[in-house]
Amino acid sequence: MNARDENIRNEVNDALTAAGVDVRNLAIESVDGRLIVKGTVPSADERERLARFLKSPPDGANTVVCDVELLPVYPSDTSNGRGRSPITGTSADSAHESRHQLDRS
């Protein structure tokens, strides 16, 4: 990656973070002035902020490709932050213990 593309990528990453967009699950790349953003964000509000930002990309980004999906992050319901599965409703630890209780061999 050349210095110009690296600067574009860093500028986009910093600006999105400052705008309150969770960039942890985003791949932000710049190749010869082509800005590519792929991945997921946890809320529709963040996806809207991302879209607003990309309407006027930083100088040097002449093309923008955005493939960002919405993937909600479910809140944790435990004090240790491990939470429960949105599918089964059980934590990983309790599911593991349940299997042991059923294994009577």
PDB file of N, CA and C in Angstrom:
ATOM      1  N   MET A   1       0.852  -1.164   0.000  1.00  0.00           N
ATOM      2  CA  MET A   1       0.000   0.000   0.000  1.00  0.00           C
ATOM      3  C   MET A   1       0.904   1.235   0.000  1.00  0.00           C
ATOM      4  N   ASN A   2       0.597   2.164  -0.892  1.00  0.00           N
ATOM      5  CA  ASN A   2       1.412   3.374  -0.947  1.00  0.00           C
ATOM      6  C   ASN A   2       0.980   4.349   0.152  1.00  0.00           C
ATOM      7  N   ALA A   3       1.774   5.398   0.347  1.00  0.00           N
ATOM      8  CA  ALA A   3       1.536   6.350   1.436  1.00  0.00           C
ATOM      9  C   ALA A   3       0.188   7.063   1.289  1.00  0.00           C
ATOM     10  N   ARG A   4      -0.196   7.401   0.066  1.00  0.00           N
ATOM     11  CA  ARG A   4      -1.465   8.097  -0.148  1.00  0.00           C
ATOM     12  C   ARG A   4      -2.637   7.209   0.273  1.00  0.00           C
ATOM     13  N   ASP A   5      -2.618   5.946  -0.142  1.00  0.00           N
ATOM     14  CA  ASP A   5      -3.690   5.022   0.225  1.00  0.00           C
ATOM     15  C   ASP A   5      -3.722   4.775   1.733  1.00  0.00           C
ATOM     16  N   GLU A   6      -2.558   4.693   2.340  1.00  0.00           N
ATOM     17  CA  GLU A   6      -2.487   4.500   3.790  1.00  0.00           C
ATOM     18  C   GLU A   6      -3.082   5.706   4.518  1.00  0.00           C
ATOM     19  N   ASN A   7      -2.797   6.904   4.040  1.00  0.00           N
ATOM     20  CA  ASN A   7      -3.354   8.116   4.637  1.00  0.00           C
ATOM     21  C   ASN A   7      -4.871   8.159   4.492  1.00  0.00           C
ATOM     22  N   ILE A   8      -5.385   7.776   3.326  1.00  0.00           N
ATOM     23  CA  ILE A   8      -6.835   7.742   3.106  1.00  0.00           C
ATOM     24  C   ILE A   8      -7.479   6.757   4.069  1.00  0.00           C
ATOM     25  N   ARG A   9      -6.915   5.568   4.175  1.00  0.00           N
ATOM     26  CA  ARG A   9      -7.461   4.538   5.060  1.00  0.00           C
ATOM     27  C   ARG A   9      -7.472   5.023   6.507  1.00  0.00           C
ATOM     28  N   ASN A  10      -6.380   5.608   6.951  1.00  0.00           N
ATOM     29  CA  ASN A  10      -6.302   6.104   8.325  1.00  0.00           C
ATOM     30  C   ASN A  10      -7.301   7.239   8.574  1.00  0.00           C
ATOM     31  N   GLU A  11      -7.439   8.139   7.607  1.00  0.00           N
ATOM     32  CA  GLU A  11      -8.372   9.249   7.741  1.00  0.00           C
ATOM     33  C   GLU A  11      -9.808   8.741   7.849  1.00  0.00           C
ATOM     34  N   VAL A  12     -10.160   7.773   7.014  1.00  0.00           N
ATOM     35  CA  VAL A  12     -11.514   7.204   7.052  1.00  0.00           C
ATOM     36  C   VAL A  12     -11.751   6.501   8.382  1.00  0.00           C
ATOM     37  N   ASN A  13     -10.811   5.700   8.815  1.00  0.00           N
ATOM     38  CA  ASN A  13     -10.935   4.977  10.070  1.00  0.00           C
ATOM     39  C   ASN A  13     -11.127   5.953  11.237  1.00  0.00           C
ATOM     40  N   ASP A  14     -10.297   6.990  11.301  1.00  0.00           N
ATOM     41  CA  ASP A  14     -10.385   7.968  12.384  1.00  0.00           C
ATOM     42  C   ASP A  14     -11.695   8.751  12.339  1.00  0.00           C
ATOM     43  N   ALA A  15     -12.119   9.154  11.139  1.00  0.00           N
ATOM     44  CA  ALA A  15     -13.347   9.942  11.000  1.00  0.00           C
ATOM     45  C   ALA A  15     -14.576   9.122  11.381  1.00  0.00           C
ATOM     46  N   LEU A  16     -14.608   7.858  10.968  1.00  0.00           N
ATOM     47  CA  LEU A  16     -15.750   7.009  11.319  1.00  0.00           C
ATOM     48  C   LEU A  16     -15.800   6.761  12.817  1.00  0.00           C
ATOM     49  N   THR A  17     -14.660   6.531  13.423  1.00  0.00           N
ATOM     50  CA  THR A  17     -14.603   6.329  14.867  1.00  0.00           C
ATOM     51  C   THR A  17     -15.096   7.578  15.588  1.00  0.00           C
ATOM     52  N   ALA A  18     -14.642   8.756  15.145  1.00  0.00           N
ATOM     53  CA  ALA A  18     -15.074  10.018  15.752  1.00  0.00           C
ATOM     54  C   ALA A  18     -16.574  10.244  15.570  1.00  0.00           C
ATOM     55  N   ALA A  19     -17.139   9.716  14.486  1.00  0.00           N
ATOM     56  CA  ALA A  19     -18.575   9.868  14.226  1.00  0.00           C
ATOM     57  C   ALA A  19     -19.418   8.841  14.982  1.00  0.00           C
ATOM     58  N   GLY A  20     -18.756   7.974  15.744  1.00  0.00           N
ATOM     59  CA  GLY A  20     -19.488   6.991  16.537  1.00  0.00           C
ATOM     60  C   GLY A  20     -19.821   5.714  15.800  1.00  0.00           C
ATOM     61  N   VAL A  21     -19.073   5.416  14.738  1.00  0.00           N
ATOM     62  CA  VAL A  21     -19.272   4.172  13.993  1.00  0.00           C
ATOM     63  C   VAL A  21     -18.295   3.135  14.537  1.00  0.00           C
ATOM     64  N   ASP A  22     -18.812   1.974  14.916  1.00  0.00           N
ATOM     65  CA  ASP A  22     -17.977   0.877  15.410  1.00  0.00           C
ATOM     66  C   ASP A  22     -17.260   0.252  14.220  1.00  0.00           C
ATOM     67  N   VAL A  23     -15.959   0.508  14.097  1.00  0.00           N
ATOM     68  CA  VAL A  23     -15.200   0.052  12.931  1.00  0.00           C
ATOM     69  C   VAL A  23     -14.525  -1.302  13.159  1.00  0.00           C
ATOM     70  N   ARG A  24     -14.755  -1.924  14.316  1.00  0.00           N
ATOM     71  CA  ARG A  24     -14.058  -3.181  14.622  1.00  0.00           C
ATOM     72  C   ARG A  24     -14.351  -4.293  13.633  1.00  0.00           C
ATOM     73  N   ASN A  25     -15.541  -4.294  13.039  1.00  0.00           N
ATOM     74  CA  ASN A  25     -15.887  -5.346  12.085  1.00  0.00           C
ATOM     75  C   ASN A  25     -15.929  -4.830  10.648  1.00  0.00           C
ATOM     76  N   LEU A  26     -15.181  -3.768  10.397  1.00  0.00           N
ATOM     77  CA  LEU A  26     -15.104  -3.209   9.052  1.00  0.00           C
ATOM     78  C   LEU A  26     -13.693  -3.378   8.503  1.00  0.00           C
ATOM     79  N   ALA A  27     -13.624  -3.746   7.251  1.00  0.00           N
ATOM     80  CA  ALA A  27     -12.352  -3.748   6.526  1.00  0.00           C
ATOM     81  C   ALA A  27     -12.354  -2.484   5.676  1.00  0.00           C
ATOM     82  N   ILE A  28     -11.412  -1.596   5.956  1.00  0.00           N
ATOM     83  CA  ILE A  28     -11.314  -0.333   5.237  1.00  0.00           C
ATOM     84  C   ILE A  28     -10.014  -0.367   4.448  1.00  0.00           C
ATOM     85  N   GLU A  29     -10.133  -0.296   3.126  1.00  0.00           N
ATOM     86  CA  GLU A  29      -8.968  -0.370   2.259  1.00  0.00           C
ATOM     87  C   GLU A  29      -8.998   0.769   1.254  1.00  0.00           C
ATOM     88  N   SER A  30      -7.833   1.155   0.822  1.00  0.00           N
ATOM     89  CA  SER A  30      -7.720   2.123  -0.260  1.00  0.00           C
ATOM     90  C   SER A  30      -6.660   1.600  -1.222  1.00  0.00           C
ATOM     91  N   VAL A  31      -7.054   1.481  -2.482  1.00  0.00           N
ATOM     92  CA  VAL A  31      -6.147   0.974  -3.504  1.00  0.00           C
ATOM     93  C   VAL A  31      -6.195   1.936  -4.692  1.00  0.00           C
ATOM     94  N   ASP A  32      -5.107   2.633  -4.906  1.00  0.00           N
ATOM     95  CA  ASP A  32      -5.013   3.603  -6.003  1.00  0.00           C
ATOM     96  C   ASP A  32      -6.182   4.583  -6.004  1.00  0.00           C
ATOM     97  N   GLY A  33      -6.564   5.063  -4.818  1.00  0.00           N
ATOM     98  CA  GLY A  33      -7.652   6.032  -4.709  1.00  0.00           C
ATOM     99  C   GLY A  33      -9.042   5.435  -4.671  1.00  0.00           C
ATOM    100  N   ARG A  34      -9.135   4.134  -4.760  1.00  0.00           N
ATOM    101  CA  ARG A  34     -10.435   3.452  -4.680  1.00  0.00           C
ATOM    102  C   ARG A  34     -10.654   3.026  -3.232  1.00  0.00           C
ATOM    103  N   LEU A  35     -11.637   3.636  -2.572  1.00  0.00           N
ATOM    104  CA  LEU A  35     -11.932   3.347  -1.179  1.00  0.00           C
ATOM    105  C   LEU A  35     -12.928   2.196  -1.106  1.00  0.00           C
ATOM    106  N   ILE A  36     -12.577   1.163  -0.339  1.00  0.00           N
ATOM    107  CA  ILE A  36     -13.414  -0.027  -0.203  1.00  0.00           C
ATOM    108  C   ILE A  36     -13.704  -0.233   1.278  1.00  0.00           C
ATOM    109  N   VAL A  37     -14.992  -0.276   1.626  1.00  0.00           N
ATOM    110  CA  VAL A  37     -15.413  -0.503   3.005  1.00  0.00           C
ATOM    111  C   VAL A  37     -16.348  -1.700   2.997  1.00  0.00           C
ATOM    112  N   LYS A  38     -15.963  -2.762   3.732  1.00  0.00           N
ATOM    113  CA  LYS A  38     -16.764  -3.984   3.808  1.00  0.00           C
ATOM    114  C   LYS A  38     -16.867  -4.433   5.247  1.00  0.00           C
ATOM    115  N   GLY A  39     -17.963  -5.121   5.570  1.00  0.00           N
ATOM    116  CA  GLY A  39     -18.112  -5.681   6.899  1.00  0.00           C
ATOM    117  C   GLY A  39     -19.492  -5.467   7.468  1.00  0.00           C
ATOM    118  N   THR A  40     -19.545  -5.335   8.810  1.00  0.00           N
ATOM    119  CA  THR A  40     -20.818  -5.168   9.488  1.00  0.00           C
ATOM    120  C   THR A  40     -20.725  -4.068  10.543  1.00  0.00           C
ATOM    121  N   VAL A  41     -21.873  -3.453  10.818  1.00  0.00           N
ATOM    122  CA  VAL A  41     -22.013  -2.519  11.925  1.00  0.00           C
ATOM    123  C   VAL A  41     -23.204  -2.982  12.763  1.00  0.00           C
ATOM    124  N   PRO A  42     -23.217  -2.634  14.069  1.00  0.00           N
ATOM    125  CA  PRO A  42     -24.248  -3.179  14.948  1.00  0.00           C
ATOM    126  C   PRO A  42     -25.589  -2.467  14.944  1.00  0.00           C
ATOM    127  N   SER A  43     -25.699  -1.306  14.287  1.00  0.00           N
ATOM    128  CA  SER A  43     -26.987  -0.620  14.330  1.00  0.00           C
ATOM    129  C   SER A  43     -27.263   0.112  13.017  1.00  0.00           C
ATOM    130  N   ALA A  44     -28.547   0.319  12.759  1.00  0.00           N
ATOM    131  CA  ALA A  44     -28.948   1.056  11.559  1.00  0.00           C
ATOM    132  C   ALA A  44     -28.468   2.500  11.628  1.00  0.00           C
ATOM    133  N   ASP A  45     -28.434   3.063  12.830  1.00  0.00           N
ATOM    134  CA  ASP A  45     -27.952   4.426  13.020  1.00  0.00           C
ATOM    135  C   ASP A  45     -26.480   4.541  12.591  1.00  0.00           C
ATOM    136  N   GLU A  46     -25.672   3.555  12.969  1.00  0.00           N
ATOM    137  CA  GLU A  46     -24.258   3.579  12.584  1.00  0.00           C
ATOM    138  C   GLU A  46     -24.101   3.401  11.073  1.00  0.00           C
ATOM    139  N   ARG A  47     -24.939   2.563  10.492  1.00  0.00           N
ATOM    140  CA  ARG A  47     -24.865   2.374   9.039  1.00  0.00           C
ATOM    141  C   ARG A  47     -25.230   3.670   8.316  1.00  0.00           C
ATOM    142  N   GLU A  48     -26.191   4.424   8.854  1.00  0.00           N
ATOM    143  CA  GLU A  48     -26.564   5.712   8.275  1.00  0.00           C
ATOM    144  C   GLU A  48     -25.424   6.725   8.397  1.00  0.00           C
ATOM    145  N   ARG A  49     -24.768   6.760   9.560  1.00  0.00           N
ATOM    146  CA  ARG A  49     -23.615   7.668   9.735  1.00  0.00           C
ATOM    147  C   ARG A  49     -22.498   7.315   8.757  1.00  0.00           C
ATOM    148  N   LEU A  50     -22.274   6.030   8.550  1.00  0.00           N
ATOM    149  CA  LEU A  50     -21.267   5.582   7.591  1.00  0.00           C
ATOM    150  C   LEU A  50     -21.628   6.037   6.185  1.00  0.00           C
ATOM    151  N   ALA A  51     -22.886   5.865   5.795  1.00  0.00           N
ATOM    152  CA  ALA A  51     -23.334   6.262   4.462  1.00  0.00           C
ATOM    153  C   ALA A  51     -23.192   7.763   4.253  1.00  0.00           C
ATOM    154  N   ARG A  52     -23.537   8.554   5.282  1.00  0.00           N
ATOM    155  CA  ARG A  52     -23.390  10.017   5.182  1.00  0.00           C
ATOM    156  C   ARG A  52     -21.929  10.403   4.977  1.00  0.00           C
ATOM    157  N   PHE A  53     -21.043   9.745   5.713  1.00  0.00           N
ATOM    158  CA  PHE A  53     -19.616  10.046   5.581  1.00  0.00           C
ATOM    159  C   PHE A  53     -19.114   9.704   4.179  1.00  0.00           C
ATOM    160  N   LEU A  54     -19.538   8.561   3.664  1.00  0.00           N
ATOM    161  CA  LEU A  54     -19.033   8.110   2.367  1.00  0.00           C
ATOM    162  C   LEU A  54     -19.569   8.927   1.198  1.00  0.00           C
ATOM    163  N   LYS A  55     -20.611   9.721   1.423  1.00  0.00           N
ATOM    164  CA  LYS A  55     -21.113  10.596   0.358  1.00  0.00           C
ATOM    165  C   LYS A  55     -20.100  11.680   0.006  1.00  0.00           C
ATOM    166  N   SER A  56     -19.257  12.033   0.946  1.00  0.00           N
ATOM    167  CA  SER A  56     -18.185  12.999   0.667  1.00  0.00           C
ATOM    168  C   SER A  56     -16.882  12.443   1.237  1.00  0.00           C
ATOM    169  N   PRO A  57     -16.283  11.482   0.521  1.00  0.00           N
ATOM    170  CA  PRO A  57     -15.074  10.818   1.003  1.00  0.00           C
ATOM    171  C   PRO A  57     -13.898  11.790   1.066  1.00  0.00           C
ATOM    172  N   PRO A  58     -12.837  11.402   1.736  1.00  0.00           N
ATOM    173  CA  PRO A  58     -11.673  12.284   1.851  1.00  0.00           C
ATOM    174  C   PRO A  58     -11.005  12.525   0.506  1.00  0.00           C
ATOM    175  N   ASP A  59     -10.232  13.612   0.439  1.00  0.00           N
ATOM    176  CA  ASP A  59      -9.473  13.919  -0.779  1.00  0.00           C
ATOM    177  C   ASP A  59      -8.581  12.738  -1.144  1.00  0.00           C
ATOM    178  N   GLY A  60      -8.536  12.422  -2.404  1.00  0.00           N
ATOM    179  CA  GLY A  60      -7.712  11.318  -2.889  1.00  0.00           C
ATOM    180  C   GLY A  60      -8.505  10.057  -3.155  1.00  0.00           C
ATOM    181  N   ALA A  61      -9.684   9.951  -2.545  1.00  0.00           N
ATOM    182  CA  ALA A  61     -10.549   8.790  -2.792  1.00  0.00           C
ATOM    183  C   ALA A  61     -11.492   9.154  -3.930  1.00  0.00           C
ATOM    184  N   ASN A  62     -11.213   8.611  -5.119  1.00  0.00           N
ATOM    185  CA  ASN A  62     -12.011   8.984  -6.286  1.00  0.00           C
ATOM    186  C   ASN A  62     -13.168   8.031  -6.559  1.00  0.00           C
ATOM    187  N   THR A  63     -13.161   6.851  -5.961  1.00  0.00           N
ATOM    188  CA  THR A  63     -14.235   5.871  -6.106  1.00  0.00           C
ATOM    189  C   THR A  63     -14.500   5.260  -4.741  1.00  0.00           C
ATOM    190  N   VAL A  64     -15.778   5.027  -4.427  1.00  0.00           N
ATOM    191  CA  VAL A  64     -16.137   4.422  -3.141  1.00  0.00           C
ATOM    192  C   VAL A  64     -16.961   3.168  -3.391  1.00  0.00           C
ATOM    193  N   VAL A  65     -16.543   2.065  -2.764  1.00  0.00           N
ATOM    194  CA  VAL A  65     -17.286   0.811  -2.793  1.00  0.00           C
ATOM    195  C   VAL A  65     -17.657   0.497  -1.349  1.00  0.00           C
ATOM    196  N   CYS A  66     -18.952   0.363  -1.089  1.00  0.00           N
ATOM    197  CA  CYS A  66     -19.413   0.098   0.275  1.00  0.00           C
ATOM    198  C   CYS A  66     -20.281  -1.155   0.277  1.00  0.00           C
ATOM    199  N   ASP A  67     -19.844  -2.140   1.045  1.00  0.00           N
ATOM    200  CA  ASP A  67     -20.605  -3.382   1.215  1.00  0.00           C
ATOM    201  C   ASP A  67     -20.683  -3.658   2.713  1.00  0.00           C
ATOM    202  N   VAL A  68     -21.534  -2.897   3.390  1.00  0.00           N
ATOM    203  CA  VAL A  68     -21.644  -2.995   4.846  1.00  0.00           C
ATOM    204  C   VAL A  68     -23.051  -3.450   5.210  1.00  0.00           C
ATOM    205  N   GLU A  69     -23.099  -4.514   5.980  1.00  0.00           N
ATOM    206  CA  GLU A  69     -24.364  -5.103   6.424  1.00  0.00           C
ATOM    207  C   GLU A  69     -24.636  -4.715   7.874  1.00  0.00           C
ATOM    208  N   LEU A  70     -25.871  -4.867   8.260  1.00  0.00           N
ATOM    209  CA  LEU A  70     -26.277  -4.650   9.640  1.00  0.00           C
ATOM    210  C   LEU A  70     -26.265  -5.991  10.359  1.00  0.00           C
ATOM    211  N   LEU A  71     -25.516  -6.066  11.450  1.00  0.00           N
ATOM    212  CA  LEU A  71     -25.470  -7.278  12.268  1.00  0.00           C
ATOM    213  C   LEU A  71     -25.615  -6.845  13.722  1.00  0.00           C
ATOM    214  N   PRO A  72     -26.842  -6.880  14.254  1.00  0.00           N
ATOM    215  CA  PRO A  72     -27.068  -6.398  15.616  1.00  0.00           C
ATOM    216  C   PRO A  72     -26.229  -7.152  16.642  1.00  0.00           C
ATOM    217  N   VAL A  73     -25.769  -6.425  17.635  1.00  0.00           N
ATOM    218  CA  VAL A  73     -25.045  -7.015  18.753  1.00  0.00           C
ATOM    219  C   VAL A  73     -26.018  -7.032  19.922  1.00  0.00           C
ATOM    220  N   TYR A  74     -26.286  -8.195  20.428  1.00  0.00           N
ATOM    221  CA  TYR A  74     -27.243  -8.329  21.515  1.00  0.00           C
ATOM    222  C   TYR A  74     -26.592  -7.944  22.829  1.00  0.00           C
ATOM    223  N   PRO A  75     -27.328  -7.257  23.682  1.00  0.00           N
ATOM    224  CA  PRO A  75     -26.745  -6.813  24.954  1.00  0.00           C
ATOM    225  C   PRO A  75     -26.446  -7.990  25.870  1.00  0.00           C
ATOM    226  N   SER A  76     -25.443  -7.803  26.666  1.00  0.00           N
ATOM    227  CA  SER A  76     -25.083  -8.814  27.651  1.00  0.00           C
ATOM    228  C   SER A  76     -26.060  -8.734  28.809  1.00  0.00           C
ATOM    229  N   ASP A  77     -26.439  -9.872  29.345  1.00  0.00           N
ATOM    230  CA  ASP A  77     -27.341  -9.856  30.497  1.00  0.00           C
ATOM    231  C   ASP A  77     -26.666 -10.416  31.744  1.00  0.00           C
ATOM    232  N   THR A  78     -25.348 -10.465  31.733  1.00  0.00           N
ATOM    233  CA  THR A  78     -24.629 -10.953  32.894  1.00  0.00           C
ATOM    234  C   THR A  78     -23.550  -9.959  33.283  1.00  0.00           C
ATOM    235  N   SER A  79     -23.149 -10.006  34.526  1.00  0.00           N
ATOM    236  CA  SER A  79     -22.159  -9.052  35.020  1.00  0.00           C
ATOM    237  C   SER A  79     -20.768  -9.297  34.440  1.00  0.00           C
ATOM    238  N   ASN A  80     -20.483 -10.529  33.999  1.00  0.00           N
ATOM    239  CA  ASN A  80     -19.157 -10.801  33.460  1.00  0.00           C
ATOM    240  C   ASN A  80     -19.058 -10.491  31.966  1.00  0.00           C
ATOM    241  N   GLY A  81     -20.146 -10.019  31.344  1.00  0.00           N
ATOM    242  CA  GLY A  81     -20.113  -9.611  29.946  1.00  0.00           C
ATOM    243  C   GLY A  81     -20.188 -10.750  28.946  1.00  0.00           C
ATOM    244  N   ARG A  82     -20.340 -11.979  29.399  1.00  0.00           N
ATOM    245  CA  ARG A  82     -20.358 -13.103  28.458  1.00  0.00           C
ATOM    246  C   ARG A  82     -21.717 -13.250  27.792  1.00  0.00           C
ATOM    247  N   GLY A  83     -22.775 -12.866  28.471  1.00  0.00           N
ATOM    248  CA  GLY A  83     -24.101 -12.848  27.867  1.00  0.00           C
ATOM    249  C   GLY A  83     -24.687 -14.211  27.574  1.00  0.00           C
ATOM    250  N   ARG A  84     -25.800 -14.163  26.893  1.00  0.00           N
ATOM    251  CA  ARG A  84     -26.514 -15.373  26.512  1.00  0.00           C
ATOM    252  C   ARG A  84     -26.650 -15.427  25.004  1.00  0.00           C
ATOM    253  N   SER A  85     -26.744 -16.610  24.485  1.00  0.00           N
ATOM    254  CA  SER A  85     -26.909 -16.795  23.054  1.00  0.00           C
ATOM    255  C   SER A  85     -28.269 -16.275  22.616  1.00  0.00           C
ATOM    256  N   PRO A  86     -28.314 -15.444  21.546  1.00  0.00           N
ATOM    257  CA  PRO A  86     -29.616 -14.976  21.062  1.00  0.00           C
ATOM    258  C   PRO A  86     -30.425 -16.102  20.429  1.00  0.00           C
ATOM    259  N   ILE A  87     -29.781 -17.215  20.145  1.00  0.00           N
ATOM    260  CA  ILE A  87     -30.470 -18.330  19.497  1.00  0.00           C
ATOM    261  C   ILE A  87     -31.025 -19.311  20.528  1.00  0.00           C
ATOM    262  N   THR A  88     -30.175 -19.740  21.450  1.00  0.00           N
ATOM    263  CA  THR A  88     -30.611 -20.750  22.414  1.00  0.00           C
ATOM    264  C   THR A  88     -31.048 -20.172  23.745  1.00  0.00           C
ATOM    265  N   GLY A  89     -30.650 -18.928  24.034  1.00  0.00           N
ATOM    266  CA  GLY A  89     -31.015 -18.319  25.305  1.00  0.00           C
ATOM    267  C   GLY A  89     -30.158 -18.791  26.460  1.00  0.00           C
ATOM    268  N   THR A  90     -29.118 -19.545  26.186  1.00  0.00           N
ATOM    269  CA  THR A  90     -28.236 -20.018  27.255  1.00  0.00           C
ATOM    270  C   THR A  90     -26.826 -19.512  27.028  1.00  0.00           C
ATOM    271  N   SER A  91     -26.097 -19.365  28.101  1.00  0.00           N
ATOM    272  CA  SER A  91     -24.701 -18.967  27.974  1.00  0.00           C
ATOM    273  C   SER A  91     -23.888 -20.194  27.584  1.00  0.00           C
ATOM    274  N   ALA A  92     -22.686 -19.964  27.129  1.00  0.00           N
ATOM    275  CA  ALA A  92     -21.821 -21.079  26.735  1.00  0.00           C
ATOM    276  C   ALA A  92     -21.540 -21.994  27.923  1.00  0.00           C
ATOM    277  N   ASP A  93     -21.341 -21.413  29.113  1.00  0.00           N
ATOM    278  CA  ASP A  93     -21.056 -22.220  30.302  1.00  0.00           C
ATOM    279  C   ASP A  93     -22.240 -23.091  30.701  1.00  0.00           C
ATOM    280  N   SER A  94     -23.456 -22.518  30.687  1.00  0.00           N
ATOM    281  CA  SER A  94     -24.598 -23.315  31.115  1.00  0.00           C
ATOM    282  C   SER A  94     -24.929 -24.398  30.092  1.00  0.00           C
ATOM    283  N   ALA A  95     -24.718 -24.115  28.814  1.00  0.00           N
ATOM    284  CA  ALA A  95     -24.947 -25.142  27.796  1.00  0.00           C
ATOM    285  C   ALA A  95     -23.965 -26.291  27.984  1.00  0.00           C
ATOM    286  N   HIS A  96     -22.730 -25.969  28.328  1.00  0.00           N
ATOM    287  CA  HIS A  96     -21.704 -26.988  28.565  1.00  0.00           C
ATOM    288  C   HIS A  96     -22.097 -27.841  29.773  1.00  0.00           C
ATOM    289  N   GLU A  97     -22.532 -27.190  30.855  1.00  0.00           N
ATOM    290  CA  GLU A  97     -22.940 -27.921  32.052  1.00  0.00           C
ATOM    291  C   GLU A  97     -24.172 -28.776  31.790  1.00  0.00           C
ATOM    292  N   SER A  98     -25.097 -28.287  30.991  1.00  0.00           N
ATOM    293  CA  SER A  98     -26.300 -29.058  30.680  1.00  0.00           C
ATOM    294  C   SER A  98     -25.948 -30.344  29.952  1.00  0.00           C
ATOM    295  N   ARG A  99     -24.975 -30.273  29.058  1.00  0.00           N
ATOM    296  CA  ARG A  99     -24.562 -31.485  28.336  1.00  0.00           C
ATOM    297  C   ARG A  99     -23.996 -32.508  29.307  1.00  0.00           C
ATOM    298  N   HIS A 100     -23.237 -32.036  30.304  1.00  0.00           N
ATOM    299  CA  HIS A 100     -22.666 -32.968  31.288  1.00  0.00           C
ATOM    300  C   HIS A 100     -23.755 -33.610  32.131  1.00  0.00           C
ATOM    301  N   GLN A 101     -24.785 -32.861  32.459  1.00  0.00           N
ATOM    302  CA  GLN A 101     -25.851 -33.404  33.280  1.00  0.00           C
ATOM    303  C   GLN A 101     -26.640 -34.457  32.527  1.00  0.00           C
ATOM    304  N   LEU A 102     -26.742 -34.314  31.228  1.00  0.00           N
ATOM    305  CA  LEU A 102     -27.480 -35.283  30.433  1.00  0.00           C
ATOM    306  C   LEU A 102     -26.660 -36.510  30.085  1.00  0.00           C
ATOM    307  N   ASP A 103     -25.335 -36.398  30.178  1.00  0.00           N
ATOM    308  CA  ASP A 103     -24.458 -37.501  29.831  1.00  0.00           C
ATOM    309  C   ASP A 103     -24.351 -38.442  31.036  1.00  0.00           C
ATOM    310  N   ARG A 104     -25.119 -39.537  30.992  1.00  0.00           N
ATOM    311  CA  ARG A 104     -25.176 -40.432  32.126  1.00  0.00           C
ATOM    312  C   ARG A 104     -24.354 -41.700  31.921  1.00  0.00           C
ATOM    313  N   SER A 105     -23.411 -41.681  31.035  1.00  0.00           N
ATOM    314  CA  SER A 105     -22.653 -42.918  30.773  1.00  0.00           C
ATOM    315  C   SER A 105     -21.573 -43.178  31.776  1.00  0.00           C
TER     316      SER A 105
END
